[in-house]
Each structure stands twice: as C-alpha cells, then as structure tokens.
Amino acid sequence: MTKATFYFDSDVPYGFLITGHSGFAEEGEDIVCASVSSAAYMVANTITEVLKVNAKIEVSDGRMKLTVKKEQRHITKDILLGLKIHLDGLQEQYPDFVETLMEV
C-alpha cells in the first residue's frame, strides 16, 4: 500500500511523505503507483523549478519526502492542497492501495 502523509501547520500544508508501493499490479504496469509518483514529481518540480522555492526533498525507492520552510509556505500551499485532493481521490478509487493521512 502507498501511504501519503501531509504535514500541516494549522490549516497550511508544508509538505508530504509518500511511502510504499501500491501493489495494484506488477512493477511497470501499476497504474496506481504511476499516478501517485507522477503527481508527486509534478508537485516537487513545480515547487522547485517553477516557483523557485528551496524545498527540502528526499527521494529513494518507494519514498519521497518534501518539506517547505515556514517563510515560503504561503507560496506552495495551493499546490500541496491540490496534491492532497488528487491523492484523496485515488484513495476513494483504490482504497486497498492508497491511504492519505494528515499530521498536524
């Protein structure tokens, strides 16, 4: 199962941790894993390359963590909320393979 934990300071998201493999299908054919990975990379690239925010990003096999410093959270909050909404939708479609959590 893929777990996505979103970090919040009050009602403002400042990052996420995505871990695990969904297990929906074999590697290379797993549409759930591909959907999560693609969305996470799009958000990370938008934050760092388009918005030019110096986010802390850690990536390894089956794991991606992104956090934003407090003074830049107002810039990234909408895109992080968009990712959460997207992954919440995947959780609704594939409840045995995706779980979203909030950490306050």
PDB file of N, CA and C in Angstrom:
ATOM      1  N   MET A   1       0.838  -1.187   0.000  1.00  0.00           N
ATOM      2  CA  MET A   1       0.000   0.000   0.000  1.00  0.00           C
ATOM      3  C   MET A   1       0.878   1.244   0.000  1.00  0.00           C
ATOM      4  N   THR A   2       0.443   2.254  -0.733  1.00  0.00           N
ATOM      5  CA  THR A   2       1.103   3.549  -0.734  1.00  0.00           C
ATOM      6  C   THR A   2       0.441   4.419   0.324  1.00  0.00           C
ATOM      7  N   LYS A   3       1.255   5.006   1.202  1.00  0.00           N
ATOM      8  CA  LYS A   3       0.740   5.921   2.222  1.00  0.00           C
ATOM      9  C   LYS A   3       1.298   7.305   1.966  1.00  0.00           C
ATOM     10  N   ALA A   4       0.410   8.287   1.980  1.00  0.00           N
ATOM     11  CA  ALA A   4       0.796   9.685   1.799  1.00  0.00           C
ATOM     12  C   ALA A   4       0.393  10.455   3.047  1.00  0.00           C
ATOM     13  N   THR A   5       1.383  10.969   3.750  1.00  0.00           N
ATOM     14  CA  THR A   5       1.144  11.777   4.939  1.00  0.00           C
ATOM     15  C   THR A   5       1.436  13.227   4.587  1.00  0.00           C
ATOM     16  N   PHE A   6       0.456  14.082   4.838  1.00  0.00           N
ATOM     17  CA  PHE A   6       0.619  15.509   4.577  1.00  0.00           C
ATOM     18  C   PHE A   6       0.850  16.225   5.890  1.00  0.00           C
ATOM     19  N   TYR A   7       1.866  17.086   5.909  1.00  0.00           N
ATOM     20  CA  TYR A   7       2.218  17.861   7.099  1.00  0.00           C
ATOM     21  C   TYR A   7       1.508  19.210   7.051  1.00  0.00           C
ATOM     22  N   PHE A   8       0.840  19.543   8.156  1.00  0.00           N
ATOM     23  CA  PHE A   8       0.104  20.805   8.256  1.00  0.00           C
ATOM     24  C   PHE A   8       0.560  21.589   9.476  1.00  0.00           C
ATOM     25  N   ASP A   9       0.624  22.900   9.324  1.00  0.00           N
ATOM     26  CA  ASP A   9       0.806  23.838  10.425  1.00  0.00           C
ATOM     27  C   ASP A   9      -0.482  24.647  10.448  1.00  0.00           C
ATOM     28  N   SER A  10      -1.340  24.373  11.414  1.00  0.00           N
ATOM     29  CA  SER A  10      -2.712  24.883  11.424  1.00  0.00           C
ATOM     30  C   SER A  10      -3.404  24.352  10.175  1.00  0.00           C
ATOM     31  N   ASP A  11      -3.865  25.236   9.303  1.00  0.00           N
ATOM     32  CA  ASP A  11      -4.547  24.775   8.088  1.00  0.00           C
ATOM     33  C   ASP A  11      -3.672  24.925   6.839  1.00  0.00           C
ATOM     34  N   VAL A  12      -2.383  25.157   7.027  1.00  0.00           N
ATOM     35  CA  VAL A  12      -1.473  25.371   5.906  1.00  0.00           C
ATOM     36  C   VAL A  12      -0.563  24.149   5.729  1.00  0.00           C
ATOM     37  N   PRO A  13      -0.661  23.492   4.569  1.00  0.00           N
ATOM     38  CA  PRO A  13       0.229  22.355   4.327  1.00  0.00           C
ATOM     39  C   PRO A  13       1.644  22.838   4.050  1.00  0.00           C
ATOM     40  N   TYR A  14       2.626  22.095   4.560  1.00  0.00           N
ATOM     41  CA  TYR A  14       4.012  22.476   4.295  1.00  0.00           C
ATOM     42  C   TYR A  14       4.857  21.312   3.788  1.00  0.00           C
ATOM     43  N   GLY A  15       4.220  20.198   3.477  1.00  0.00           N
ATOM     44  CA  GLY A  15       4.987  19.101   2.915  1.00  0.00           C
ATOM     45  C   GLY A  15       4.239  17.792   2.935  1.00  0.00           C
ATOM     46  N   PHE A  16       4.944  16.752   2.482  1.00  0.00           N
ATOM     47  CA  PHE A  16       4.350  15.420   2.446  1.00  0.00           C
ATOM     48  C   PHE A  16       5.438  14.354   2.523  1.00  0.00           C
ATOM     49  N   LEU A  17       5.023  13.165   2.901  1.00  0.00           N
ATOM     50  CA  LEU A  17       5.847  11.972   2.862  1.00  0.00           C
ATOM     51  C   LEU A  17       5.018  10.886   2.205  1.00  0.00           C
ATOM     52  N   ILE A  18       5.514  10.353   1.105  1.00  0.00           N
ATOM     53  CA  ILE A  18       4.837   9.264   0.410  1.00  0.00           C
ATOM     54  C   ILE A  18       5.748   8.050   0.488  1.00  0.00           C
ATOM     55  N   THR A  19       5.193   6.930   0.971  1.00  0.00           N
ATOM     56  CA  THR A  19       5.980   5.709   1.131  1.00  0.00           C
ATOM     57  C   THR A  19       5.231   4.501   0.594  1.00  0.00           C
ATOM     58  N   GLY A  20       6.004   3.516   0.221  1.00  0.00           N
ATOM     59  CA  GLY A  20       5.451   2.228  -0.155  1.00  0.00           C
ATOM     60  C   GLY A  20       5.102   2.108  -1.621  1.00  0.00           C
ATOM     61  N   HIS A  21       4.818   0.888  -1.989  1.00  0.00           N
ATOM     62  CA  HIS A  21       4.364   0.566  -3.337  1.00  0.00           C
ATOM     63  C   HIS A  21       2.918   0.113  -3.228  1.00  0.00           C
ATOM     64  N   SER A  22       2.095   0.521  -4.153  1.00  0.00           N
ATOM     65  CA  SER A  22       0.661   0.242  -4.035  1.00  0.00           C
ATOM     66  C   SER A  22       0.341  -1.247  -4.077  1.00  0.00           C
ATOM     67  N   GLY A  23       1.041  -1.991  -4.904  1.00  0.00           N
ATOM     68  CA  GLY A  23       0.742  -3.414  -5.024  1.00  0.00           C
ATOM     69  C   GLY A  23      -0.465  -3.705  -5.895  1.00  0.00           C
ATOM     70  N   PHE A  24      -0.919  -2.712  -6.641  1.00  0.00           N
ATOM     71  CA  PHE A  24      -2.081  -2.883  -7.507  1.00  0.00           C
ATOM     72  C   PHE A  24      -1.787  -3.830  -8.667  1.00  0.00           C
ATOM     73  N   ALA A  25      -0.569  -3.740  -9.215  1.00  0.00           N
ATOM     74  CA  ALA A  25      -0.181  -4.581 -10.354  1.00  0.00           C
ATOM     75  C   ALA A  25       1.336  -4.769 -10.312  1.00  0.00           C
ATOM     76  N   GLU A  26       1.838  -5.535 -11.258  1.00  0.00           N
ATOM     77  CA  GLU A  26       3.276  -5.774 -11.360  1.00  0.00           C
ATOM     78  C   GLU A  26       4.017  -4.465 -11.643  1.00  0.00           C
ATOM     79  N   GLU A  27       5.278  -4.414 -11.212  1.00  0.00           N
ATOM     80  CA  GLU A  27       6.105  -3.244 -11.467  1.00  0.00           C
ATOM     81  C   GLU A  27       6.141  -2.957 -12.962  1.00  0.00           C
ATOM     82  N   GLY A  28       5.978  -1.699 -13.320  1.00  0.00           N
ATOM     83  CA  GLY A  28       5.946  -1.294 -14.716  1.00  0.00           C
ATOM     84  C   GLY A  28       4.550  -1.270 -15.305  1.00  0.00           C
ATOM     85  N   GLU A  29       3.589  -1.864 -14.608  1.00  0.00           N
ATOM     86  CA  GLU A  29       2.201  -1.884 -15.081  1.00  0.00           C
ATOM     87  C   GLU A  29       1.232  -1.377 -14.017  1.00  0.00           C
ATOM     88  N   ASP A  30       1.754  -0.848 -12.942  1.00  0.00           N
ATOM     89  CA  ASP A  30       0.937  -0.426 -11.801  1.00  0.00           C
ATOM     90  C   ASP A  30       0.457   1.015 -12.013  1.00  0.00           C
ATOM     91  N   ILE A  31      -0.791   1.163 -12.463  1.00  0.00           N
ATOM     92  CA  ILE A  31      -1.325   2.500 -12.752  1.00  0.00           C
ATOM     93  C   ILE A  31      -1.521   3.333 -11.492  1.00  0.00           C
ATOM     94  N   VAL A  32      -1.761   2.683 -10.370  1.00  0.00           N
ATOM     95  CA  VAL A  32      -1.936   3.424  -9.115  1.00  0.00           C
ATOM     96  C   VAL A  32      -0.604   4.020  -8.692  1.00  0.00           C
ATOM     97  N   CYS A  33       0.424   3.215  -8.690  1.00  0.00           N
ATOM     98  CA  CYS A  33       1.755   3.694  -8.320  1.00  0.00           C
ATOM     99  C   CYS A  33       2.217   4.791  -9.279  1.00  0.00           C
ATOM    100  N   ALA A  34       1.968   4.597 -10.559  1.00  0.00           N
ATOM    101  CA  ALA A  34       2.356   5.594 -11.552  1.00  0.00           C
ATOM    102  C   ALA A  34       1.612   6.905 -11.342  1.00  0.00           C
ATOM    103  N   SER A  35       0.341   6.824 -10.995  1.00  0.00           N
ATOM    104  CA  SER A  35      -0.460   8.038 -10.752  1.00  0.00           C
ATOM    105  C   SER A  35       0.082   8.817  -9.564  1.00  0.00           C
ATOM    106  N   VAL A  36       0.379   8.114  -8.483  1.00  0.00           N
ATOM    107  CA  VAL A  36       0.913   8.763  -7.282  1.00  0.00           C
ATOM    108  C   VAL A  36       2.279   9.363  -7.573  1.00  0.00           C
ATOM    109  N   SER A  37       3.166   8.580  -8.180  1.00  0.00           N
ATOM    110  CA  SER A  37       4.525   9.054  -8.468  1.00  0.00           C
ATOM    111  C   SER A  37       4.521  10.257  -9.399  1.00  0.00           C
ATOM    112  N   SER A  38       3.751  10.179 -10.453  1.00  0.00           N
ATOM    113  CA  SER A  38       3.693  11.270 -11.413  1.00  0.00           C
ATOM    114  C   SER A  38       3.204  12.560 -10.756  1.00  0.00           C
ATOM    115  N   ALA A  39       2.161  12.463  -9.968  1.00  0.00           N
ATOM    116  CA  ALA A  39       1.623  13.649  -9.287  1.00  0.00           C
ATOM    117  C   ALA A  39       2.641  14.221  -8.303  1.00  0.00           C
ATOM    118  N   ALA A  40       3.312  13.366  -7.542  1.00  0.00           N
ATOM    119  CA  ALA A  40       4.296  13.825  -6.554  1.00  0.00           C
ATOM    120  C   ALA A  40       5.475  14.526  -7.234  1.00  0.00           C
ATOM    121  N   TYR A  41       5.970  13.942  -8.318  1.00  0.00           N
ATOM    122  CA  TYR A  41       7.077  14.574  -9.038  1.00  0.00           C
ATOM    123  C   TYR A  41       6.650  15.886  -9.685  1.00  0.00           C
ATOM    124  N   MET A  42       5.433  15.946 -10.207  1.00  0.00           N
ATOM    125  CA  MET A  42       4.951  17.189 -10.804  1.00  0.00           C
ATOM    126  C   MET A  42       4.900  18.293  -9.744  1.00  0.00           C
ATOM    127  N   VAL A  43       4.415  17.965  -8.564  1.00  0.00           N
ATOM    128  CA  VAL A  43       4.346  18.953  -7.478  1.00  0.00           C
ATOM    129  C   VAL A  43       5.750  19.369  -7.048  1.00  0.00           C
ATOM    130  N   ALA A  44       6.638  18.415  -6.851  1.00  0.00           N
ATOM    131  CA  ALA A  44       8.006  18.736  -6.432  1.00  0.00           C
ATOM    132  C   ALA A  44       8.696  19.607  -7.475  1.00  0.00           C
ATOM    133  N   ASN A  45       8.547  19.266  -8.749  1.00  0.00           N
ATOM    134  CA  ASN A  45       9.174  20.061  -9.809  1.00  0.00           C
ATOM    135  C   ASN A  45       8.560  21.447  -9.936  1.00  0.00           C
ATOM    136  N   THR A  46       7.264  21.552  -9.764  1.00  0.00           N
ATOM    137  CA  THR A  46       6.615  22.857  -9.822  1.00  0.00           C
ATOM    138  C   THR A  46       7.094  23.743  -8.676  1.00  0.00           C
ATOM    139  N   ILE A  47       7.177  23.173  -7.491  1.00  0.00           N
ATOM    140  CA  ILE A  47       7.624  23.947  -6.324  1.00  0.00           C
ATOM    141  C   ILE A  47       9.068  24.419  -6.501  1.00  0.00           C
ATOM    142  N   THR A  48       9.949  23.521  -6.933  1.00  0.00           N
ATOM    143  CA  THR A  48      11.364  23.891  -7.008  1.00  0.00           C
ATOM    144  C   THR A  48      11.760  24.604  -8.299  1.00  0.00           C
ATOM    145  N   GLU A  49      11.208  24.186  -9.425  1.00  0.00           N
ATOM    146  CA  GLU A  49      11.651  24.728 -10.701  1.00  0.00           C
ATOM    147  C   GLU A  49      10.809  25.900 -11.208  1.00  0.00           C
ATOM    148  N   VAL A  50       9.507  25.873 -10.944  1.00  0.00           N
ATOM    149  CA  VAL A  50       8.629  26.942 -11.430  1.00  0.00           C
ATOM    150  C   VAL A  50       8.506  28.049 -10.380  1.00  0.00           C
ATOM    151  N   LEU A  51       8.188  27.659  -9.151  1.00  0.00           N
ATOM    152  CA  LEU A  51       8.021  28.649  -8.083  1.00  0.00           C
ATOM    153  C   LEU A  51       9.351  29.068  -7.463  1.00  0.00           C
ATOM    154  N   LYS A  52      10.422  28.318  -7.763  1.00  0.00           N
ATOM    155  CA  LYS A  52      11.774  28.615  -7.272  1.00  0.00           C
ATOM    156  C   LYS A  52      11.877  28.608  -5.749  1.00  0.00           C
ATOM    157  N   VAL A  53      11.128  27.720  -5.119  1.00  0.00           N
ATOM    158  CA  VAL A  53      11.178  27.556  -3.664  1.00  0.00           C
ATOM    159  C   VAL A  53      12.260  26.535  -3.338  1.00  0.00           C
ATOM    160  N   ASN A  54      13.072  26.846  -2.348  1.00  0.00           N
ATOM    161  CA  ASN A  54      14.148  25.946  -1.932  1.00  0.00           C
ATOM    162  C   ASN A  54      13.590  24.918  -0.946  1.00  0.00           C
ATOM    163  N   ALA A  55      12.858  23.949  -1.463  1.00  0.00           N
ATOM    164  CA  ALA A  55      12.254  22.902  -0.630  1.00  0.00           C
ATOM    165  C   ALA A  55      13.285  21.824  -0.342  1.00  0.00           C
ATOM    166  N   LYS A  56      13.100  21.162   0.781  1.00  0.00           N
ATOM    167  CA  LYS A  56      13.942  20.010   1.114  1.00  0.00           C
ATOM    168  C   LYS A  56      13.251  18.779   0.534  1.00  0.00           C
ATOM    169  N   ILE A  57      13.957  18.046  -0.324  1.00  0.00           N
ATOM    170  CA  ILE A  57      13.388  16.870  -0.972  1.00  0.00           C
ATOM    171  C   ILE A  57      14.319  15.681  -0.756  1.00  0.00           C
ATOM    172  N   GLU A  58      13.717  14.557  -0.346  1.00  0.00           N
ATOM    173  CA  GLU A  58      14.444  13.306  -0.181  1.00  0.00           C
ATOM    174  C   GLU A  58      13.718  12.242  -0.999  1.00  0.00           C
ATOM    175  N   VAL A  59      14.453  11.554  -1.859  1.00  0.00           N
ATOM    176  CA  VAL A  59      13.852  10.518  -2.707  1.00  0.00           C
ATOM    177  C   VAL A  59      14.696   9.252  -2.627  1.00  0.00           C
ATOM    178  N   SER A  60      14.031   8.136  -2.422  1.00  0.00           N
ATOM    179  CA  SER A  60      14.662   6.821  -2.511  1.00  0.00           C
ATOM    180  C   SER A  60      13.597   5.852  -3.002  1.00  0.00           C
ATOM    181  N   ASP A  61      13.945   4.609  -3.184  1.00  0.00           N
ATOM    182  CA  ASP A  61      13.000   3.636  -3.716  1.00  0.00           C
ATOM    183  C   ASP A  61      11.771   3.539  -2.821  1.00  0.00           C
ATOM    184  N   GLY A  62      10.625   3.861  -3.392  1.00  0.00           N
ATOM    185  CA  GLY A  62       9.374   3.767  -2.648  1.00  0.00           C
ATOM    186  C   GLY A  62       9.161   4.844  -1.603  1.00  0.00           C
ATOM    187  N   ARG A  63       9.885   5.957  -1.725  1.00  0.00           N
ATOM    188  CA  ARG A  63       9.770   7.014  -0.709  1.00  0.00           C
ATOM    189  C   ARG A  63      10.098   8.374  -1.310  1.00  0.00           C
ATOM    190  N   MET A  64       9.249   9.367  -1.026  1.00  0.00           N
ATOM    191  CA  MET A  64       9.533  10.753  -1.380  1.00  0.00           C
ATOM    192  C   MET A  64       9.035  11.638  -0.241  1.00  0.00           C
ATOM    193  N   LYS A  65       9.912  12.515   0.207  1.00  0.00           N
ATOM    194  CA  LYS A  65       9.545  13.478   1.254  1.00  0.00           C
ATOM    195  C   LYS A  65       9.898  14.868   0.765  1.00  0.00           C
ATOM    196  N   LEU A  66       8.962  15.802   0.954  1.00  0.00           N
ATOM    197  CA  LEU A  66       9.169  17.196   0.580  1.00  0.00           C
ATOM    198  C   LEU A  66       8.673  18.064   1.725  1.00  0.00           C
ATOM    199  N   THR A  67       9.484  19.021   2.135  1.00  0.00           N
ATOM    200  CA  THR A  67       9.056  19.997   3.139  1.00  0.00           C
ATOM    201  C   THR A  67       9.510  21.389   2.714  1.00  0.00           C
ATOM    202  N   VAL A  68       8.722  22.367   3.130  1.00  0.00           N
ATOM    203  CA  VAL A  68       8.955  23.762   2.779  1.00  0.00           C
ATOM    204  C   VAL A  68       9.124  24.559   4.076  1.00  0.00           C
ATOM    205  N   LYS A  69      10.082  25.481   4.066  1.00  0.00           N
ATOM    206  CA  LYS A  69      10.307  26.332   5.233  1.00  0.00           C
ATOM    207  C   LYS A  69       9.108  27.239   5.476  1.00  0.00           C
ATOM    208  N   LYS A  70       8.940  27.624   6.724  1.00  0.00           N
ATOM    209  CA  LYS A  70       7.773  28.401   7.145  1.00  0.00           C
ATOM    210  C   LYS A  70       7.579  29.674   6.327  1.00  0.00           C
ATOM    211  N   GLU A  71       8.650  30.371   6.022  1.00  0.00           N
ATOM    212  CA  GLU A  71       8.518  31.656   5.321  1.00  0.00           C
ATOM    213  C   GLU A  71       8.100  31.504   3.856  1.00  0.00           C
ATOM    214  N   GLN A  72       8.106  30.279   3.318  1.00  0.00           N
ATOM    215  CA  GLN A  72       7.709  30.071   1.927  1.00  0.00           C
ATOM    216  C   GLN A  72       6.414  29.268   1.782  1.00  0.00           C
ATOM    217  N   ARG A  73       5.779  28.940   2.864  1.00  0.00           N
ATOM    218  CA  ARG A  73       4.578  28.102   2.819  1.00  0.00           C
ATOM    219  C   ARG A  73       3.409  28.776   2.111  1.00  0.00           C
ATOM    220  N   HIS A  74       3.329  30.081   2.183  1.00  0.00           N
ATOM    221  CA  HIS A  74       2.233  30.784   1.513  1.00  0.00           C
ATOM    222  C   HIS A  74       2.332  30.639  -0.013  1.00  0.00           C
ATOM    223  N   ILE A  75       3.537  30.399  -0.516  1.00  0.00           N
ATOM    224  CA  ILE A  75       3.746  30.239  -1.950  1.00  0.00           C
ATOM    225  C   ILE A  75       3.310  28.852  -2.428  1.00  0.00           C
ATOM    226  N   THR A  76       3.490  27.844  -1.587  1.00  0.00           N
ATOM    227  CA  THR A  76       3.296  26.454  -2.015  1.00  0.00           C
ATOM    228  C   THR A  76       2.008  25.809  -1.516  1.00  0.00           C
ATOM    229  N   LYS A  77       1.259  26.487  -0.674  1.00  0.00           N
ATOM    230  CA  LYS A  77       0.111  25.836  -0.032  1.00  0.00           C
ATOM    231  C   LYS A  77      -0.923  25.329  -1.027  1.00  0.00           C
ATOM    232  N   ASP A  78      -1.210  26.092  -2.076  1.00  0.00           N
ATOM    233  CA  ASP A  78      -2.248  25.672  -3.023  1.00  0.00           C
ATOM    234  C   ASP A  78      -1.852  24.421  -3.805  1.00  0.00           C
ATOM    235  N   ILE A  79      -0.602  24.343  -4.226  1.00  0.00           N
ATOM    236  CA  ILE A  79      -0.200  23.154  -4.987  1.00  0.00           C
ATOM    237  C   ILE A  79      -0.149  21.922  -4.085  1.00  0.00           C
ATOM    238  N   LEU A  80       0.237  22.094  -2.820  1.00  0.00           N
ATOM    239  CA  LEU A  80       0.226  20.963  -1.891  1.00  0.00           C
ATOM    240  C   LEU A  80      -1.203  20.517  -1.579  1.00  0.00           C
ATOM    241  N   LEU A  81      -2.118  21.477  -1.456  1.00  0.00           N
ATOM    242  CA  LEU A  81      -3.529  21.107  -1.269  1.00  0.00           C
ATOM    243  C   LEU A  81      -4.060  20.382  -2.501  1.00  0.00           C
ATOM    244  N   GLY A  82      -3.643  20.806  -3.681  1.00  0.00           N
ATOM    245  CA  GLY A  82      -4.048  20.134  -4.905  1.00  0.00           C
ATOM    246  C   GLY A  82      -3.577  18.687  -4.938  1.00  0.00           C
ATOM    247  N   LEU A  83      -2.338  18.448  -4.501  1.00  0.00           N
ATOM    248  CA  LEU A  83      -1.835  17.076  -4.438  1.00  0.00           C
ATOM    249  C   LEU A  83      -2.641  16.253  -3.449  1.00  0.00           C
ATOM    250  N   LYS A  84      -2.972  16.836  -2.314  1.00  0.00           N
ATOM    251  CA  LYS A  84      -3.768  16.103  -1.329  1.00  0.00           C
ATOM    252  C   LYS A  84      -5.136  15.737  -1.898  1.00  0.00           C
ATOM    253  N   ILE A  85      -5.777  16.668  -2.564  1.00  0.00           N
ATOM    254  CA  ILE A  85      -7.084  16.389  -3.173  1.00  0.00           C
ATOM    255  C   ILE A  85      -6.957  15.274  -4.214  1.00  0.00           C
ATOM    256  N   HIS A  86      -5.906  15.332  -5.019  1.00  0.00           N
ATOM    257  CA  HIS A  86      -5.676  14.303  -6.039  1.00  0.00           C
ATOM    258  C   HIS A  86      -5.496  12.925  -5.394  1.00  0.00           C
ATOM    259  N   LEU A  87      -4.662  12.854  -4.359  1.00  0.00           N
ATOM    260  CA  LEU A  87      -4.420  11.563  -3.712  1.00  0.00           C
ATOM    261  C   LEU A  87      -5.622  11.093  -2.907  1.00  0.00           C
ATOM    262  N   ASP A  88      -6.403  12.023  -2.344  1.00  0.00           N
ATOM    263  CA  ASP A  88      -7.663  11.635  -1.698  1.00  0.00           C
ATOM    264  C   ASP A  88      -8.592  10.966  -2.710  1.00  0.00           C
ATOM    265  N   GLY A  89      -8.618  11.489  -3.930  1.00  0.00           N
ATOM    266  CA  GLY A  89      -9.437  10.893  -4.985  1.00  0.00           C
ATOM    267  C   GLY A  89      -8.957   9.500  -5.356  1.00  0.00           C
ATOM    268  N   LEU A  90      -7.636   9.317  -5.428  1.00  0.00           N
ATOM    269  CA  LEU A  90      -7.097   7.983  -5.700  1.00  0.00           C
ATOM    270  C   LEU A  90      -7.430   7.016  -4.562  1.00  0.00           C
ATOM    271  N   GLN A  91      -7.408   7.527  -3.341  1.00  0.00           N
ATOM    272  CA  GLN A  91      -7.777   6.686  -2.194  1.00  0.00           C
ATOM    273  C   GLN A  91      -9.236   6.235  -2.302  1.00  0.00           C
ATOM    274  N   GLU A  92     -10.103   7.128  -2.742  1.00  0.00           N
ATOM    275  CA  GLU A  92     -11.516   6.758  -2.921  1.00  0.00           C
ATOM    276  C   GLU A  92     -11.674   5.688  -3.995  1.00  0.00           C
ATOM    277  N   GLN A  93     -10.909   5.803  -5.087  1.00  0.00           N
ATOM    278  CA  GLN A  93     -10.990   4.843  -6.182  1.00  0.00           C
ATOM    279  C   GLN A  93     -10.315   3.515  -5.856  1.00  0.00           C
ATOM    280  N   TYR A  94      -9.219   3.583  -5.109  1.00  0.00           N
ATOM    281  CA  TYR A  94      -8.404   2.403  -4.827  1.00  0.00           C
ATOM    282  C   TYR A  94      -8.111   2.306  -3.326  1.00  0.00           C
ATOM    283  N   PRO A  95      -9.137   2.106  -2.494  1.00  0.00           N
ATOM    284  CA  PRO A  95      -8.956   2.159  -1.041  1.00  0.00           C
ATOM    285  C   PRO A  95      -8.024   1.090  -0.474  1.00  0.00           C
ATOM    286  N   ASP A  96      -7.806   0.013  -1.177  1.00  0.00           N
ATOM    287  CA  ASP A  96      -6.904  -1.024  -0.698  1.00  0.00           C
ATOM    288  C   ASP A  96      -5.452  -0.758  -1.085  1.00  0.00           C
ATOM    289  N   PHE A  97      -5.199   0.313  -1.845  1.00  0.00           N
ATOM    290  CA  PHE A  97      -3.875   0.533  -2.391  1.00  0.00           C
ATOM    291  C   PHE A  97      -3.283   1.904  -2.078  1.00  0.00           C
ATOM    292  N   VAL A  98      -4.130   2.870  -1.671  1.00  0.00           N
ATOM    293  CA  VAL A  98      -3.672   4.232  -1.357  1.00  0.00           C
ATOM    294  C   VAL A  98      -4.339   4.688  -0.075  1.00  0.00           C
ATOM    295  N   GLU A  99      -3.537   5.285   0.820  1.00  0.00           N
ATOM    296  CA  GLU A  99      -4.083   5.861   2.055  1.00  0.00           C
ATOM    297  C   GLU A  99      -3.470   7.242   2.245  1.00  0.00           C
ATOM    298  N   THR A 100      -4.318   8.239   2.486  1.00  0.00           N
ATOM    299  CA  THR A 100      -3.814   9.584   2.788  1.00  0.00           C
ATOM    300  C   THR A 100      -4.074   9.898   4.248  1.00  0.00           C
ATOM    301  N   LEU A 101      -3.095  10.550   4.853  1.00  0.00           N
ATOM    302  CA  LEU A 101      -3.148  10.892   6.272  1.00  0.00           C
ATOM    303  C   LEU A 101      -2.737  12.359   6.441  1.00  0.00           C
ATOM    304  N   MET A 102      -3.144  12.951   7.562  1.00  0.00           N
ATOM    305  CA  MET A 102      -2.728  14.308   7.896  1.00  0.00           C
ATOM    306  C   MET A 102      -1.982  14.290   9.219  1.00  0.00           C
ATOM    307  N   GLU A 103      -0.882  15.013   9.272  1.00  0.00           N
ATOM    308  CA  GLU A 103      -0.133  15.163  10.504  1.00  0.00           C
ATOM    309  C   GLU A 103      -0.089  16.647  10.840  1.00  0.00           C
ATOM    310  N   VAL A 104      -0.614  17.001  11.976  1.00  0.00           N
ATOM    311  CA  VAL A 104      -0.671  18.404  12.380  1.00  0.00           C
ATOM    312  C   VAL A 104       0.344  18.653  13.479  1.00  0.00           C
TER     313      VAL A 104
END
